[in-house]
Amino acid sequence: KKLTLGNHDNYDIREYLKYFTKIAAAVVVKGYLLSHIPICGNQFPRFK
């Protein structure tokens, strides 16, 4: 399990690290941005 933090993920990061091998605000996988909240549309030249 890996995690991009959401707006309700407010607990101590050490609690999440017991279950998730990676934690980030957002990540790019296969050219796609993975995030909790949708990004602003003007970022699309950077992502598929």
All heavy atoms as atom14 arrays in JSON, in Angstrom:
{
  "sequence": "KKLTLGNHDNYDIREYLKYFTKIAAAVVVKGYLLSHIPICGNQFPRFK",
  "atom14_mask": [
    [1, 1, 1, 1, 1, 1, 1, 1, 1, 0, 0, 0, 0, 0],
    [1, 1, 1, 1, 1, 1, 1, 1, 1, 0, 0, 0, 0, 0],
    [1, 1, 1, 1, 1, 1, 1, 1, 0, 0, 0, 0, 0, 0],
    [1, 1, 1, 1, 1, 1, 1, 0, 0, 0, 0, 0, 0, 0],
    [1, 1, 1, 1, 1, 1, 1, 1, 0, 0, 0, 0, 0, 0],
    [1, 1, 1, 1, 0, 0, 0, 0, 0, 0, 0, 0, 0, 0],
    [1, 1, 1, 1, 1, 1, 1, 1, 0, 0, 0, 0, 0, 0],
    [1, 1, 1, 1, 1, 1, 1, 1, 1, 1, 0, 0, 0, 0],
    [1, 1, 1, 1, 1, 1, 1, 1, 0, 0, 0, 0, 0, 0],
    [1, 1, 1, 1, 1, 1, 1, 1, 0, 0, 0, 0, 0, 0],
    [1, 1, 1, 1, 1, 1, 1, 1, 1, 1, 1, 1, 0, 0],
    [1, 1, 1, 1, 1, 1, 1, 1, 0, 0, 0, 0, 0, 0],
    [1, 1, 1, 1, 1, 1, 1, 1, 0, 0, 0, 0, 0, 0],
    [1, 1, 1, 1, 1, 1, 1, 1, 1, 1, 1, 0, 0, 0],
    [1, 1, 1, 1, 1, 1, 1, 1, 1, 0, 0, 0, 0, 0],
    [1, 1, 1, 1, 1, 1, 1, 1, 1, 1, 1, 1, 0, 0],
    [1, 1, 1, 1, 1, 1, 1, 1, 0, 0, 0, 0, 0, 0],
    [1, 1, 1, 1, 1, 1, 1, 1, 1, 0, 0, 0, 0, 0],
    [1, 1, 1, 1, 1, 1, 1, 1, 1, 1, 1, 1, 0, 0],
    [1, 1, 1, 1, 1, 1, 1, 1, 1, 1, 1, 0, 0, 0],
    [1, 1, 1, 1, 1, 1, 1, 0, 0, 0, 0, 0, 0, 0],
    [1, 1, 1, 1, 1, 1, 1, 1, 1, 0, 0, 0, 0, 0],
    [1, 1, 1, 1, 1, 1, 1, 1, 0, 0, 0, 0, 0, 0],
    [1, 1, 1, 1, 1, 0, 0, 0, 0, 0, 0, 0, 0, 0],
    [1, 1, 1, 1, 1, 0, 0, 0, 0, 0, 0, 0, 0, 0],
    [1, 1, 1, 1, 1, 0, 0, 0, 0, 0, 0, 0, 0, 0],
    [1, 1, 1, 1, 1, 1, 1, 0, 0, 0, 0, 0, 0, 0],
    [1, 1, 1, 1, 1, 1, 1, 0, 0, 0, 0, 0, 0, 0],
    [1, 1, 1, 1, 1, 1, 1, 0, 0, 0, 0, 0, 0, 0],
    [1, 1, 1, 1, 1, 1, 1, 1, 1, 0, 0, 0, 0, 0],
    [1, 1, 1, 1, 0, 0, 0, 0, 0, 0, 0, 0, 0, 0],
    [1, 1, 1, 1, 1, 1, 1, 1, 1, 1, 1, 1, 0, 0],
    [1, 1, 1, 1, 1, 1, 1, 1, 0, 0, 0, 0, 0, 0],
    [1, 1, 1, 1, 1, 1, 1, 1, 0, 0, 0, 0, 0, 0],
    [1, 1, 1, 1, 1, 1, 0, 0, 0, 0, 0, 0, 0, 0],
    [1, 1, 1, 1, 1, 1, 1, 1, 1, 1, 0, 0, 0, 0],
    [1, 1, 1, 1, 1, 1, 1, 1, 0, 0, 0, 0, 0, 0],
    [1, 1, 1, 1, 1, 1, 1, 0, 0, 0, 0, 0, 0, 0],
    [1, 1, 1, 1, 1, 1, 1, 1, 0, 0, 0, 0, 0, 0],
    [1, 1, 1, 1, 1, 1, 0, 0, 0, 0, 0, 0, 0, 0],
    [1, 1, 1, 1, 0, 0, 0, 0, 0, 0, 0, 0, 0, 0],
    [1, 1, 1, 1, 1, 1, 1, 1, 0, 0, 0, 0, 0, 0],
    [1, 1, 1, 1, 1, 1, 1, 1, 1, 0, 0, 0, 0, 0],
    [1, 1, 1, 1, 1, 1, 1, 1, 1, 1, 1, 0, 0, 0],
    [1, 1, 1, 1, 1, 1, 1, 0, 0, 0, 0, 0, 0, 0],
    [1, 1, 1, 1, 1, 1, 1, 1, 1, 1, 1, 0, 0, 0],
    [1, 1, 1, 1, 1, 1, 1, 1, 1, 1, 1, 0, 0, 0],
    [1, 1, 1, 1, 1, 1, 1, 1, 1, 0, 0, 0, 0, 0]
  ],
  "atom14_positions": [
    [[0.82, -1.21, 0.0], [0.0, 0.0, 0.0], [0.85, 1.26, 0.0], [1.81, 1.37, 0.76], [-0.95, -0.02, 1.2], [-1.96, -1.17, 1.11], [-2.79, -1.35, 2.35], [-2.09, -2.04, 3.49], [-1.63, -3.4, 3.23], [0.0, 0.0, 0.0], [0.0, 0.0, 0.0], [0.0, 0.0, 0.0], [0.0, 0.0, 0.0], [0.0, 0.0, 0.0]],
    [[0.45, 2.21, -0.87], [1.09, 3.52, -0.96], [-0.02, 4.56, -0.88], [-1.15, 4.29, -1.26], [1.87, 3.64, -2.27], [2.96, 2.57, -2.36], [3.74, 2.64, -3.64], [4.79, 1.52, -3.65], [5.82, 1.77, -4.63], [0.0, 0.0, 0.0], [0.0, 0.0, 0.0], [0.0, 0.0, 0.0], [0.0, 0.0, 0.0], [0.0, 0.0, 0.0]],
    [[0.32, 5.77, -0.4], [-0.71, 6.76, -0.1], [-0.37, 8.13, -0.63], [0.74, 8.61, -0.45], [-0.89, 6.83, 1.43], [-1.83, 7.89, 2.0], [-3.27, 7.64, 1.58], [-1.71, 7.93, 3.53], [0.0, 0.0, 0.0], [0.0, 0.0, 0.0], [0.0, 0.0, 0.0], [0.0, 0.0, 0.0], [0.0, 0.0, 0.0], [0.0, 0.0, 0.0]],
    [[-1.34, 8.76, -1.3], [-1.29, 10.2, -1.5], [-2.26, 10.78, -0.48], [-3.41, 10.34, -0.39], [-1.68, 10.64, -2.92], [-3.03, 10.32, -3.19], [-0.77, 10.01, -3.96], [0.0, 0.0, 0.0], [0.0, 0.0, 0.0], [0.0, 0.0, 0.0], [0.0, 0.0, 0.0], [0.0, 0.0, 0.0], [0.0, 0.0, 0.0], [0.0, 0.0, 0.0]],
    [[-1.78, 11.7, 0.32], [-2.57, 12.21, 1.44], [-3.8, 12.98, 0.98], [-3.74, 13.79, 0.05], [-1.7, 13.11, 2.32], [-0.6, 12.39, 3.09], [0.38, 13.4, 3.66], [-1.19, 11.51, 4.18], [0.0, 0.0, 0.0], [0.0, 0.0, 0.0], [0.0, 0.0, 0.0], [0.0, 0.0, 0.0], [0.0, 0.0, 0.0], [0.0, 0.0, 0.0]],
    [[-4.91, 12.71, 1.65], [-6.15, 13.43, 1.39], [-6.4, 14.48, 2.44], [-5.68, 14.58, 3.44], [0.0, 0.0, 0.0], [0.0, 0.0, 0.0], [0.0, 0.0, 0.0], [0.0, 0.0, 0.0], [0.0, 0.0, 0.0], [0.0, 0.0, 0.0], [0.0, 0.0, 0.0], [0.0, 0.0, 0.0], [0.0, 0.0, 0.0], [0.0, 0.0, 0.0]],
    [[-7.44, 15.27, 2.25], [-7.74, 16.36, 3.17], [-8.17, 15.87, 4.55], [-8.14, 16.63, 5.51], [-8.8, 17.3, 2.58], [-10.06, 16.59, 2.16], [-10.03, 15.73, 1.29], [-11.18, 16.94, 2.76], [0.0, 0.0, 0.0], [0.0, 0.0, 0.0], [0.0, 0.0, 0.0], [0.0, 0.0, 0.0], [0.0, 0.0, 0.0], [0.0, 0.0, 0.0]],
    [[-8.57, 14.6, 4.68], [-8.94, 14.06, 5.99], [-7.85, 13.18, 6.61], [-8.06, 12.61, 7.67], [-10.24, 13.25, 5.89], [-11.44, 14.09, 5.63], [-11.92, 15.01, 6.54], [-12.25, 14.16, 4.55], [-12.99, 15.59, 6.03], [-13.21, 15.1, 4.83], [0.0, 0.0, 0.0], [0.0, 0.0, 0.0], [0.0, 0.0, 0.0], [0.0, 0.0, 0.0]],
    [[-6.71, 13.06, 5.96], [-5.62, 12.22, 6.48], [-4.73, 13.06, 7.4], [-3.62, 13.47, 7.03], [-4.83, 11.6, 5.33], [-5.69, 10.67, 4.49], [-6.55, 9.98, 5.07], [-5.52, 10.65, 3.26], [0.0, 0.0, 0.0], [0.0, 0.0, 0.0], [0.0, 0.0, 0.0], [0.0, 0.0, 0.0], [0.0, 0.0, 0.0], [0.0, 0.0, 0.0]],
    [[-5.24, 13.31, 8.61], [-4.63, 14.27, 9.53], [-3.92, 13.66, 10.73], [-3.48, 14.39, 11.61], [-5.72, 15.22, 10.07], [-6.45, 15.92, 8.96], [-5.86, 16.27, 7.96], [-7.74, 16.12, 9.13], [0.0, 0.0, 0.0], [0.0, 0.0, 0.0], [0.0, 0.0, 0.0], [0.0, 0.0, 0.0], [0.0, 0.0, 0.0], [0.0, 0.0, 0.0]],
    [[-3.82, 12.36, 10.79], [-3.19, 11.72, 11.95], [-1.67, 11.78, 11.83], [-1.13, 12.09, 10.76], [-3.7, 10.28, 12.09], [-5.18, 10.25, 12.33], [-6.05, 9.95, 11.3], [-5.73, 10.57, 13.57], [-7.43, 9.95, 11.49], [-7.1, 10.58, 13.77], [-7.95, 10.27, 12.72], [-9.3, 10.3, 12.92], [0.0, 0.0, 0.0], [0.0, 0.0, 0.0]],
    [[-1.01, 11.44, 12.91], [0.45, 11.42, 12.94], [0.95, 10.52, 11.8], [0.49, 9.39, 11.63], [0.91, 10.87, 14.3], [2.41, 10.98, 14.5], [3.18, 10.6, 13.59], [2.8, 11.41, 15.59], [0.0, 0.0, 0.0], [0.0, 0.0, 0.0], [0.0, 0.0, 0.0], [0.0, 0.0, 0.0], [0.0, 0.0, 0.0], [0.0, 0.0, 0.0]],
    [[1.89, 11.04, 11.03], [2.4, 10.33, 9.86], [2.95, 8.95, 10.24], [2.9, 8.01, 9.44], [3.47, 11.19, 9.13], [3.67, 10.71, 7.7], [4.77, 11.22, 9.88], [2.56, 11.09, 6.77], [0.0, 0.0, 0.0], [0.0, 0.0, 0.0], [0.0, 0.0, 0.0], [0.0, 0.0, 0.0], [0.0, 0.0, 0.0], [0.0, 0.0, 0.0]],
    [[3.43, 8.81, 11.48], [3.97, 7.51, 11.91], [2.9, 6.43, 11.92], [3.21, 5.25, 11.71], [4.63, 7.65, 13.28], [5.92, 8.47, 13.22], [6.47, 8.75, 14.57], [5.55, 9.69, 15.25], [5.86, 10.41, 16.31], [7.05, 10.3, 16.85], [4.99, 11.23, 16.85], [0.0, 0.0, 0.0], [0.0, 0.0, 0.0], [0.0, 0.0, 0.0]],
    [[1.65, 6.8, 12.16], [0.56, 5.83, 12.13], [0.37, 5.29, 10.71], [0.2, 4.09, 10.51], [-0.75, 6.44, 12.64], [-0.74, 6.77, 14.12], [-0.53, 5.54, 15.0], [-1.09, 4.46, 14.71], [0.21, 5.67, 16.0], [0.0, 0.0, 0.0], [0.0, 0.0, 0.0], [0.0, 0.0, 0.0], [0.0, 0.0, 0.0], [0.0, 0.0, 0.0]],
    [[0.4, 6.18, 9.73], [0.25, 5.76, 8.33], [1.43, 4.91, 7.88], [1.26, 3.95, 7.12], [0.11, 6.98, 7.42], [-1.14, 7.79, 7.67], [-1.1, 8.93, 8.47], [-2.37, 7.41, 7.12], [-2.25, 9.68, 8.71], [-3.51, 8.16, 7.35], [-3.45, 9.28, 8.15], [-4.58, 10.01, 8.39], [0.0, 0.0, 0.0], [0.0, 0.0, 0.0]],
    [[2.63, 5.26, 8.34], [3.83, 4.53, 7.92], [3.87, 3.09, 8.42], [4.64, 2.28, 7.9], [5.09, 5.28, 8.38], [5.4, 6.54, 7.56], [6.48, 7.37, 8.24], [5.81, 6.16, 6.14], [0.0, 0.0, 0.0], [0.0, 0.0, 0.0], [0.0, 0.0, 0.0], [0.0, 0.0, 0.0], [0.0, 0.0, 0.0], [0.0, 0.0, 0.0]],
    [[3.02, 2.74, 9.35], [2.92, 1.35, 9.79], [2.27, 0.48, 8.71], [2.46, -0.73, 8.69], [2.09, 1.25, 11.08], [2.75, 1.88, 12.29], [1.81, 1.84, 13.49], [2.4, 2.56, 14.68], [1.44, 2.63, 15.82], [0.0, 0.0, 0.0], [0.0, 0.0, 0.0], [0.0, 0.0, 0.0], [0.0, 0.0, 0.0], [0.0, 0.0, 0.0]],
    [[1.53, 1.1, 7.8], [0.76, 0.35, 6.81], [1.08, 0.71, 5.36], [0.79, -0.06, 4.46], [-0.74, 0.54, 7.06], [-1.13, 0.11, 8.44], [-1.26, 1.02, 9.48], [-1.33, -1.25, 8.73], [-1.6, 0.62, 10.76], [-1.67, -1.65, 10.01], [-1.81, -0.71, 11.02], [-2.12, -1.12, 12.29], [0.0, 0.0, 0.0], [0.0, 0.0, 0.0]],
    [[1.64, 1.89, 5.14], [1.93, 2.36, 3.78], [3.45, 2.45, 3.6], [4.15, 3.0, 4.44], [1.3, 3.73, 3.54], [-0.2, 3.7, 3.5], [-0.94, 4.0, 4.64], [-0.88, 3.35, 2.34], [-2.33, 3.97, 4.63], [-2.27, 3.31, 2.32], [-2.99, 3.62, 3.45], [0.0, 0.0, 0.0], [0.0, 0.0, 0.0], [0.0, 0.0, 0.0]],
    [[3.95, 1.92, 2.47], [5.39, 1.92, 2.21], [5.87, 3.24, 1.63], [7.07, 3.51, 1.64], [5.77, 0.78, 1.25], [5.11, 0.98, 0.0], [5.41, -0.58, 1.83], [0.0, 0.0, 0.0], [0.0, 0.0, 0.0], [0.0, 0.0, 0.0], [0.0, 0.0, 0.0], [0.0, 0.0, 0.0], [0.0, 0.0, 0.0], [0.0, 0.0, 0.0]],
    [[4.95, 4.05, 1.13], [5.3, 5.36, 0.59], [4.13, 6.29, 0.85], [2.97, 5.89, 0.71], [5.6, 5.29, -0.91], [5.99, 6.62, -1.5], [6.47, 6.5, -2.94], [6.88, 7.88, -3.43], [7.74, 7.83, -4.58], [0.0, 0.0, 0.0], [0.0, 0.0, 0.0], [0.0, 0.0, 0.0], [0.0, 0.0, 0.0], [0.0, 0.0, 0.0]],
    [[4.44, 7.54, 1.2], [3.41, 8.55, 1.43], [3.86, 9.82, 0.73], [5.01, 10.25, 0.87], [3.2, 8.81, 2.93], [2.71, 7.52, 3.61], [2.21, 9.96, 3.15], [2.59, 7.61, 5.12], [0.0, 0.0, 0.0], [0.0, 0.0, 0.0], [0.0, 0.0, 0.0], [0.0, 0.0, 0.0], [0.0, 0.0, 0.0], [0.0, 0.0, 0.0]],
    [[2.97, 10.42, -0.06], [3.31, 11.62, -0.82], [2.07, 12.52, -0.93], [0.95, 12.08, -0.67], [3.79, 11.23, -2.21], [0.0, 0.0, 0.0], [0.0, 0.0, 0.0], [0.0, 0.0, 0.0], [0.0, 0.0, 0.0], [0.0, 0.0, 0.0], [0.0, 0.0, 0.0], [0.0, 0.0, 0.0], [0.0, 0.0, 0.0], [0.0, 0.0, 0.0]],
    [[2.29, 13.75, -1.34], [1.17, 14.65, -1.63], [0.54, 14.27, -2.96], [-0.68, 14.28, -3.12], [1.65, 16.1, -1.65], [0.0, 0.0, 0.0], [0.0, 0.0, 0.0], [0.0, 0.0, 0.0], [0.0, 0.0, 0.0], [0.0, 0.0, 0.0], [0.0, 0.0, 0.0], [0.0, 0.0, 0.0], [0.0, 0.0, 0.0], [0.0, 0.0, 0.0]],
    [[1.39, 13.93, -3.93], [0.96, 13.5, -5.25], [2.14, 12.76, -5.89], [3.28, 12.98, -5.5], [0.54, 14.69, -6.11], [0.0, 0.0, 0.0], [0.0, 0.0, 0.0], [0.0, 0.0, 0.0], [0.0, 0.0, 0.0], [0.0, 0.0, 0.0], [0.0, 0.0, 0.0], [0.0, 0.0, 0.0], [0.0, 0.0, 0.0], [0.0, 0.0, 0.0]],
    [[1.86, 11.9, -6.85], [2.92, 11.17, -7.56], [2.55, 11.07, -9.04], [1.38, 11.17, -9.41], [3.14, 9.74, -7.0], [3.66, 9.78, -5.58], [1.88, 8.91, -7.11], [0.0, 0.0, 0.0], [0.0, 0.0, 0.0], [0.0, 0.0, 0.0], [0.0, 0.0, 0.0], [0.0, 0.0, 0.0], [0.0, 0.0, 0.0], [0.0, 0.0, 0.0]],
    [[3.57, 10.86, -9.85], [3.35, 10.62, -11.27], [3.66, 9.16, -11.55], [4.74, 8.67, -11.23], [4.24, 11.54, -12.14], [4.02, 11.24, -13.62], [3.94, 13.01, -11.84], [0.0, 0.0, 0.0], [0.0, 0.0, 0.0], [0.0, 0.0, 0.0], [0.0, 0.0, 0.0], [0.0, 0.0, 0.0], [0.0, 0.0, 0.0], [0.0, 0.0, 0.0]],
    [[2.68, 8.46, -12.12], [2.83, 7.06, -12.49], [2.37, 6.92, -13.94], [1.25, 7.32, -14.28], [1.99, 6.13, -11.57], [2.14, 4.69, -11.99], [2.4, 6.31, -10.11], [0.0, 0.0, 0.0], [0.0, 0.0, 0.0], [0.0, 0.0, 0.0], [0.0, 0.0, 0.0], [0.0, 0.0, 0.0], [0.0, 0.0, 0.0], [0.0, 0.0, 0.0]],
    [[3.25, 6.4, -14.79], [2.95, 6.22, -16.22], [2.52, 7.53, -16.89], [1.69, 7.53, -17.8], [1.88, 5.14, -16.42], [2.31, 3.76, -15.95], [1.28, 2.71, -16.3], [1.78, 1.34, -15.92], [0.93, 0.27, -16.42], [0.0, 0.0, 0.0], [0.0, 0.0, 0.0], [0.0, 0.0, 0.0], [0.0, 0.0, 0.0], [0.0, 0.0, 0.0]],
    [[3.04, 8.65, -16.4], [2.72, 9.94, -16.99], [1.43, 10.58, -16.47], [1.07, 11.68, -16.88], [0.0, 0.0, 0.0], [0.0, 0.0, 0.0], [0.0, 0.0, 0.0], [0.0, 0.0, 0.0], [0.0, 0.0, 0.0], [0.0, 0.0, 0.0], [0.0, 0.0, 0.0], [0.0, 0.0, 0.0], [0.0, 0.0, 0.0], [0.0, 0.0, 0.0]],
    [[0.74, 9.9, -15.57], [-0.51, 10.4, -14.99], [-0.25, 10.88, -13.57], [0.45, 10.21, -12.81], [-1.58, 9.31, -14.99], [-2.05, 8.99, -16.37], [-1.33, 8.1, -17.18], [-3.18, 9.59, -16.91], [-1.73, 7.83, -18.47], [-3.58, 9.32, -18.2], [-2.86, 8.44, -18.99], [-3.25, 8.17, -20.27], [0.0, 0.0, 0.0], [0.0, 0.0, 0.0]],
    [[-0.84, 12.02, -13.22], [-0.71, 12.53, -11.87], [-1.75, 11.87, -10.98], [-2.95, 11.91, -11.28], [-0.89, 14.05, -11.83], [-0.68, 14.65, -10.44], [0.8, 14.6, -10.05], [-1.2, 16.07, -10.39], [0.0, 0.0, 0.0], [0.0, 0.0, 0.0], [0.0, 0.0, 0.0], [0.0, 0.0, 0.0], [0.0, 0.0, 0.0], [0.0, 0.0, 0.0]],
    [[-1.29, 11.24, -9.92], [-2.18, 10.65, -8.92], [-2.21, 11.6, -7.73], [-1.16, 11.93, -7.16], [-1.67, 9.28, -8.47], [-2.0, 8.06, -9.33], [-1.59, 8.22, -10.78], [-1.37, 6.81, -8.73], [0.0, 0.0, 0.0], [0.0, 0.0, 0.0], [0.0, 0.0, 0.0], [0.0, 0.0, 0.0], [0.0, 0.0, 0.0], [0.0, 0.0, 0.0]],
    [[-3.41, 12.06, -7.37], [-3.57, 13.02, -6.29], [-4.91, 12.77, -5.61], [-5.76, 12.07, -6.15], [-3.52, 14.45, -6.83], [-4.57, 14.68, -7.76], [0.0, 0.0, 0.0], [0.0, 0.0, 0.0], [0.0, 0.0, 0.0], [0.0, 0.0, 0.0], [0.0, 0.0, 0.0], [0.0, 0.0, 0.0], [0.0, 0.0, 0.0], [0.0, 0.0, 0.0]],
    [[-5.09, 13.37, -4.45], [-6.4, 13.25, -3.81], [-7.38, 14.23, -4.45], [-8.41, 13.84, -4.98], [-6.32, 13.49, -2.31], [-7.67, 13.41, -1.65], [-8.39, 12.23, -1.63], [-8.44, 14.34, -1.06], [-9.57, 12.45, -1.04], [-9.61, 13.73, -0.68], [0.0, 0.0, 0.0], [0.0, 0.0, 0.0], [0.0, 0.0, 0.0], [0.0, 0.0, 0.0]],
    [[-7.05, 15.5, -4.41], [-7.91, 16.53, -4.97], [-7.53, 16.74, -6.43], [-6.34, 16.76, -6.76], [-7.79, 17.83, -4.15], [-8.29, 17.57, -2.71], [-8.54, 18.98, -4.79], [-8.09, 18.72, -1.75], [0.0, 0.0, 0.0], [0.0, 0.0, 0.0], [0.0, 0.0, 0.0], [0.0, 0.0, 0.0], [0.0, 0.0, 0.0], [0.0, 0.0, 0.0]],
    [[-8.5, 16.9, -7.34], [-8.16, 17.14, -8.75], [-7.28, 18.39, -8.9], [-7.47, 19.38, -8.19], [-9.52, 17.37, -9.42], [-10.54, 16.86, -8.46], [-9.94, 16.91, -7.1], [0.0, 0.0, 0.0], [0.0, 0.0, 0.0], [0.0, 0.0, 0.0], [0.0, 0.0, 0.0], [0.0, 0.0, 0.0], [0.0, 0.0, 0.0], [0.0, 0.0, 0.0]],
    [[-6.35, 18.33, -9.83], [-5.43, 19.45, -10.06], [-6.07, 20.48, -10.98], [-7.04, 20.19, -11.68], [-4.1, 18.98, -10.68], [-4.35, 18.31, -12.04], [-3.34, 18.08, -9.73], [-3.13, 18.24, -12.93], [0.0, 0.0, 0.0], [0.0, 0.0, 0.0], [0.0, 0.0, 0.0], [0.0, 0.0, 0.0], [0.0, 0.0, 0.0], [0.0, 0.0, 0.0]],
    [[-5.46, 21.64, -11.02], [-5.89, 22.71, -11.92], [-5.6, 22.29, -13.36], [-4.54, 21.75, -13.66], [-5.13, 23.98, -11.58], [-5.5, 25.36, -12.65], [0.0, 0.0, 0.0], [0.0, 0.0, 0.0], [0.0, 0.0, 0.0], [0.0, 0.0, 0.0], [0.0, 0.0, 0.0], [0.0, 0.0, 0.0], [0.0, 0.0, 0.0], [0.0, 0.0, 0.0]],
    [[-6.55, 22.52, -14.26], [-6.43, 22.09, -15.65], [-5.24, 22.62, -16.4], [-4.79, 22.01, -17.36], [0.0, 0.0, 0.0], [0.0, 0.0, 0.0], [0.0, 0.0, 0.0], [0.0, 0.0, 0.0], [0.0, 0.0, 0.0], [0.0, 0.0, 0.0], [0.0, 0.0, 0.0], [0.0, 0.0, 0.0], [0.0, 0.0, 0.0], [0.0, 0.0, 0.0]],
    [[-4.67, 23.77, -16.0], [-3.53, 24.31, -16.75], [-2.25, 23.5, -16.55], [-1.24, 23.78, -17.15], [-3.3, 25.8, -16.41], [-2.85, 26.03, -14.99], [-2.6, 25.08, -14.24], [-2.77, 27.29, -14.61], [0.0, 0.0, 0.0], [0.0, 0.0, 0.0], [0.0, 0.0, 0.0], [0.0, 0.0, 0.0], [0.0, 0.0, 0.0], [0.0, 0.0, 0.0]],
    [[-2.29, 22.46, -15.7], [-1.14, 21.59, -15.49], [-1.07, 20.46, -16.52], [-0.1, 19.71, -16.57], [-1.19, 20.98, -14.09], [-0.99, 22.0, -12.99], [0.39, 22.61, -13.04], [1.4, 21.93, -13.13], [0.45, 23.94, -13.02], [0.0, 0.0, 0.0], [0.0, 0.0, 0.0], [0.0, 0.0, 0.0], [0.0, 0.0, 0.0], [0.0, 0.0, 0.0]],
    [[-2.08, 20.31, -17.37], [-2.13, 19.15, -18.26], [-1.03, 19.05, -19.3], [-0.72, 17.94, -19.7], [-3.51, 19.0, -18.88], [-4.45, 18.31, -17.93], [-5.55, 18.96, -17.43], [-4.2, 17.03, -17.5], [-6.4, 18.34, -16.54], [-5.03, 16.39, -16.6], [-6.14, 17.05, -16.13], [0.0, 0.0, 0.0], [0.0, 0.0, 0.0], [0.0, 0.0, 0.0]],
    [[-0.44, 20.1, -19.75], [0.69, 19.84, -20.66], [1.78, 18.99, -20.01], [2.52, 18.3, -20.7], [1.21, 21.25, -20.97], [0.02, 22.13, -20.8], [-0.77, 21.51, -19.66], [0.0, 0.0, 0.0], [0.0, 0.0, 0.0], [0.0, 0.0, 0.0], [0.0, 0.0, 0.0], [0.0, 0.0, 0.0], [0.0, 0.0, 0.0], [0.0, 0.0, 0.0]],
    [[1.84, 19.01, -18.68], [2.86, 18.23, -17.96], [2.44, 16.79, -17.73], [3.29, 15.94, -17.48], [3.14, 18.89, -16.61], [3.73, 20.28, -16.74], [3.91, 20.94, -15.41], [4.78, 20.15, -14.55], [4.81, 20.26, -13.24], [4.03, 21.11, -12.62], [5.62, 19.51, -12.52], [0.0, 0.0, 0.0], [0.0, 0.0, 0.0], [0.0, 0.0, 0.0]],
    [[1.13, 16.5, -17.75], [0.63, 15.17, -17.42], [-0.37, 14.7, -18.48], [-1.05, 15.5, -19.1], [-0.08, 15.18, -16.05], [0.75, 15.78, -14.96], [0.42, 17.01, -14.41], [1.89, 15.14, -14.49], [1.19, 17.57, -13.41], [2.67, 15.69, -13.5], [2.32, 16.91, -12.95], [0.0, 0.0, 0.0], [0.0, 0.0, 0.0], [0.0, 0.0, 0.0]],
    [[-0.45, 13.38, -18.66], [-1.42, 12.8, -19.59], [-2.84, 12.91, -19.05], [-3.8, 12.88, -19.81], [-1.09, 11.33, -19.84], [0.23, 11.1, -20.53], [0.47, 9.59, -20.65], [1.81, 9.28, -21.26], [2.06, 7.83, -21.28], [0.0, 0.0, 0.0], [0.0, 0.0, 0.0], [0.0, 0.0, 0.0], [0.0, 0.0, 0.0], [0.0, 0.0, 0.0]]
  ]
}
